[in-house]
């Protein structure tokens, strides 16, 4: 089974998942060790870099991450 390219750098996997093992167990199995290409963190990290992904983002926070990226986009660079 393939694993996510960001397993060693992902704040969610290395901090949040450790702090809440029962809550995040399913997400770790589904996203980190499963179909990680559907993970919001993975997709944002591939596009913007893992260091640009906010720490509060979870693998299924599509709206929150999109809003955060749009709010921080430089003027003239945002596509609508």
N, C-alpha and C. Protein backbone atom coordinates (compact mmCIF):
# COMPACT_ATOMS: atom_id res chain seq x y z
N UNK A 1 0.84 -1.18 0.00
CA UNK A 1 0.00 0.00 0.00
C UNK A 1 0.89 1.25 0.00
N UNK A 2 0.55 2.19 -0.83
CA UNK A 2 1.29 3.45 -0.88
C UNK A 2 0.92 4.33 0.30
N UNK A 3 1.86 5.15 0.68
CA UNK A 3 1.61 6.11 1.75
C UNK A 3 1.79 7.52 1.20
N UNK A 4 1.21 8.46 1.87
CA UNK A 4 1.29 9.87 1.48
C UNK A 4 2.74 10.35 1.48
N UNK A 5 3.08 11.19 0.53
CA UNK A 5 4.42 11.77 0.43
C UNK A 5 4.76 12.69 1.61
N UNK A 6 3.74 13.17 2.31
CA UNK A 6 3.94 14.15 3.38
C UNK A 6 3.79 13.56 4.78
N UNK A 7 3.85 12.25 4.91
CA UNK A 7 3.67 11.60 6.22
C UNK A 7 4.63 12.12 7.28
N UNK A 8 5.86 12.40 6.91
CA UNK A 8 6.83 12.84 7.92
C UNK A 8 6.69 14.32 8.27
N UNK A 9 6.02 15.11 7.41
CA UNK A 9 5.91 16.56 7.62
C UNK A 9 4.50 17.03 7.99
N UNK A 10 3.52 16.18 7.87
CA UNK A 10 2.12 16.56 8.05
C UNK A 10 1.79 16.81 9.53
N UNK A 11 1.36 18.03 9.83
CA UNK A 11 0.98 18.40 11.19
C UNK A 11 -0.20 17.55 11.67
N UNK A 12 -1.16 17.33 10.80
CA UNK A 12 -2.34 16.54 11.16
C UNK A 12 -1.93 15.13 11.60
N UNK A 13 -1.12 14.48 10.80
CA UNK A 13 -0.72 13.11 11.08
C UNK A 13 0.18 13.01 12.31
N UNK A 14 1.12 13.92 12.43
CA UNK A 14 2.13 13.81 13.47
C UNK A 14 1.79 14.48 14.80
N UNK A 15 0.81 15.37 14.82
CA UNK A 15 0.44 16.04 16.07
C UNK A 15 -1.02 15.79 16.42
N UNK A 16 -1.93 16.20 15.54
CA UNK A 16 -3.35 16.04 15.83
C UNK A 16 -3.75 14.58 15.98
N UNK A 17 -3.32 13.74 15.07
CA UNK A 17 -3.69 12.33 15.10
C UNK A 17 -3.15 11.64 16.35
N UNK A 18 -1.99 12.05 16.81
CA UNK A 18 -1.40 11.47 18.02
C UNK A 18 -2.18 11.91 19.25
N UNK A 19 -2.62 13.16 19.25
CA UNK A 19 -3.35 13.70 20.39
C UNK A 19 -4.78 13.16 20.49
N UNK A 20 -5.37 12.77 19.36
CA UNK A 20 -6.76 12.29 19.33
C UNK A 20 -6.85 10.98 18.56
N UNK A 21 -6.28 9.90 19.05
CA UNK A 21 -6.19 8.66 18.27
C UNK A 21 -7.53 8.06 17.88
N UNK A 22 -8.54 8.14 18.73
CA UNK A 22 -9.82 7.54 18.40
C UNK A 22 -10.58 8.38 17.39
N UNK A 23 -10.44 9.69 17.49
CA UNK A 23 -11.14 10.60 16.58
C UNK A 23 -10.52 10.57 15.19
N UNK A 24 -9.22 10.51 15.10
CA UNK A 24 -8.55 10.63 13.81
C UNK A 24 -8.15 9.30 13.18
N UNK A 25 -8.41 8.20 13.86
CA UNK A 25 -8.03 6.89 13.33
C UNK A 25 -8.59 6.60 11.96
N UNK A 26 -9.86 6.87 11.77
CA UNK A 26 -10.50 6.63 10.47
C UNK A 26 -9.89 7.52 9.39
N UNK A 27 -9.68 8.78 9.71
CA UNK A 27 -9.11 9.71 8.73
C UNK A 27 -7.70 9.29 8.35
N UNK A 28 -6.90 8.86 9.31
CA UNK A 28 -5.54 8.39 9.01
C UNK A 28 -5.58 7.20 8.07
N UNK A 29 -6.47 6.26 8.34
CA UNK A 29 -6.58 5.07 7.49
C UNK A 29 -7.05 5.45 6.09
N UNK A 30 -8.04 6.32 6.02
CA UNK A 30 -8.62 6.71 4.73
C UNK A 30 -7.69 7.59 3.91
N UNK A 31 -7.08 8.59 4.52
CA UNK A 31 -6.31 9.57 3.78
C UNK A 31 -4.80 9.32 3.79
N UNK A 32 -4.21 9.12 4.95
CA UNK A 32 -2.75 9.03 5.06
C UNK A 32 -2.21 7.71 4.50
N UNK A 33 -2.96 6.64 4.69
CA UNK A 33 -2.50 5.33 4.25
C UNK A 33 -3.40 4.74 3.17
N UNK A 34 -4.34 5.51 2.69
CA UNK A 34 -5.28 5.02 1.68
C UNK A 34 -5.25 5.90 0.44
N UNK A 35 -6.39 6.49 0.14
CA UNK A 35 -6.50 7.35 -1.04
C UNK A 35 -6.12 8.78 -0.66
N UNK A 36 -4.84 9.01 -0.46
CA UNK A 36 -4.37 10.31 0.01
C UNK A 36 -4.55 11.41 -1.02
N UNK A 37 -4.80 11.07 -2.28
CA UNK A 37 -5.00 12.11 -3.30
C UNK A 37 -6.31 12.86 -3.10
N UNK A 38 -7.21 12.34 -2.26
CA UNK A 38 -8.45 13.04 -1.94
C UNK A 38 -8.32 13.88 -0.67
N UNK A 39 -7.17 13.83 -0.02
CA UNK A 39 -6.92 14.57 1.22
C UNK A 39 -6.68 16.04 0.90
N UNK A 40 -7.37 16.91 1.59
CA UNK A 40 -7.21 18.35 1.40
C UNK A 40 -5.79 18.80 1.71
N UNK A 41 -5.20 18.26 2.76
CA UNK A 41 -3.84 18.62 3.13
C UNK A 41 -2.86 18.21 2.03
N UNK A 42 -2.99 17.00 1.52
CA UNK A 42 -2.12 16.51 0.46
C UNK A 42 -2.23 17.38 -0.79
N UNK A 43 -3.46 17.67 -1.20
CA UNK A 43 -3.67 18.45 -2.42
C UNK A 43 -3.11 19.87 -2.28
N UNK A 44 -3.33 20.49 -1.13
CA UNK A 44 -2.81 21.84 -0.90
C UNK A 44 -1.28 21.82 -0.83
N UNK A 45 -0.73 20.80 -0.19
CA UNK A 45 0.73 20.69 -0.08
C UNK A 45 1.38 20.47 -1.44
N UNK A 46 0.74 19.69 -2.30
CA UNK A 46 1.27 19.48 -3.65
C UNK A 46 1.25 20.78 -4.45
N UNK A 47 0.22 21.60 -4.24
CA UNK A 47 0.06 22.84 -4.99
C UNK A 47 0.88 23.99 -4.41
N UNK A 48 0.83 24.15 -3.08
CA UNK A 48 1.41 25.33 -2.43
C UNK A 48 2.62 25.03 -1.55
N UNK A 49 2.85 23.77 -1.23
CA UNK A 49 3.92 23.38 -0.31
C UNK A 49 3.36 23.06 1.06
N UNK A 50 3.90 22.06 1.71
CA UNK A 50 3.39 21.63 3.01
C UNK A 50 3.53 22.73 4.06
N UNK A 51 4.50 23.60 3.92
CA UNK A 51 4.69 24.68 4.88
C UNK A 51 3.61 25.76 4.77
N UNK A 52 2.83 25.78 3.70
CA UNK A 52 1.76 26.77 3.51
C UNK A 52 0.40 26.26 3.99
N UNK A 53 0.31 24.99 4.36
CA UNK A 53 -0.96 24.43 4.82
C UNK A 53 -1.17 24.83 6.28
N UNK A 54 -2.28 25.52 6.59
CA UNK A 54 -2.54 25.92 7.98
C UNK A 54 -2.65 24.70 8.89
N UNK A 55 -2.19 24.83 10.12
CA UNK A 55 -2.17 23.70 11.05
C UNK A 55 -3.55 23.23 11.47
N UNK A 56 -4.55 24.08 11.39
CA UNK A 56 -5.90 23.69 11.83
C UNK A 56 -6.65 22.88 10.78
N UNK A 57 -6.11 22.72 9.60
CA UNK A 57 -6.80 22.02 8.51
C UNK A 57 -6.75 20.52 8.74
N UNK A 58 -7.89 19.88 8.50
CA UNK A 58 -8.00 18.43 8.54
C UNK A 58 -8.12 17.90 7.12
N UNK A 59 -7.96 16.59 6.93
CA UNK A 59 -7.99 16.04 5.57
C UNK A 59 -9.27 16.31 4.78
N UNK A 60 -10.38 16.54 5.46
CA UNK A 60 -11.64 16.76 4.74
C UNK A 60 -12.16 18.20 4.85
N UNK A 61 -11.31 19.15 5.18
CA UNK A 61 -11.69 20.56 5.33
C UNK A 61 -11.59 21.34 4.01
N UNK A 62 -12.31 20.90 3.02
CA UNK A 62 -12.19 21.53 1.70
C UNK A 62 -12.61 23.00 1.70
N UNK A 63 -13.72 23.33 2.31
CA UNK A 63 -14.20 24.71 2.30
C UNK A 63 -13.26 25.62 3.10
N UNK A 64 -12.86 25.17 4.28
CA UNK A 64 -12.02 25.99 5.15
C UNK A 64 -10.70 26.30 4.47
N UNK A 65 -10.07 25.31 3.86
CA UNK A 65 -8.78 25.55 3.22
C UNK A 65 -8.94 26.42 1.98
N UNK A 66 -9.96 26.20 1.19
CA UNK A 66 -10.18 27.03 0.00
C UNK A 66 -10.36 28.49 0.41
N UNK A 67 -11.16 28.73 1.44
CA UNK A 67 -11.40 30.09 1.91
C UNK A 67 -10.10 30.73 2.40
N UNK A 68 -9.30 29.98 3.11
CA UNK A 68 -8.04 30.49 3.64
C UNK A 68 -7.08 30.87 2.51
N UNK A 69 -6.98 30.05 1.49
CA UNK A 69 -6.10 30.33 0.36
C UNK A 69 -6.58 31.55 -0.41
N UNK A 70 -7.89 31.65 -0.62
CA UNK A 70 -8.46 32.79 -1.36
C UNK A 70 -8.24 34.08 -0.58
N UNK A 71 -8.46 34.06 0.75
CA UNK A 71 -8.27 35.25 1.58
C UNK A 71 -6.83 35.74 1.56
N UNK A 72 -5.89 34.84 1.43
CA UNK A 72 -4.48 35.21 1.46
C UNK A 72 -3.87 35.38 0.09
N UNK A 73 -4.65 35.24 -0.97
CA UNK A 73 -4.12 35.39 -2.32
C UNK A 73 -3.79 36.84 -2.60
N UNK A 74 -2.66 37.11 -3.23
CA UNK A 74 -2.32 38.50 -3.58
C UNK A 74 -3.33 39.05 -4.57
N UNK A 75 -3.59 40.34 -4.52
CA UNK A 75 -4.52 40.96 -5.46
C UNK A 75 -4.05 40.72 -6.88
N UNK A 76 -5.00 40.45 -7.75
CA UNK A 76 -4.69 40.21 -9.15
C UNK A 76 -4.32 38.78 -9.45
N UNK A 77 -4.15 37.94 -8.44
CA UNK A 77 -3.78 36.55 -8.65
C UNK A 77 -4.94 35.59 -8.41
N UNK A 78 -6.07 36.11 -7.98
CA UNK A 78 -7.20 35.27 -7.61
C UNK A 78 -8.08 35.02 -8.81
N UNK A 79 -8.43 33.76 -9.02
CA UNK A 79 -9.35 33.40 -10.10
C UNK A 79 -10.74 33.19 -9.53
N UNK A 80 -11.74 33.72 -10.18
CA UNK A 80 -13.11 33.53 -9.71
C UNK A 80 -13.88 32.68 -10.67
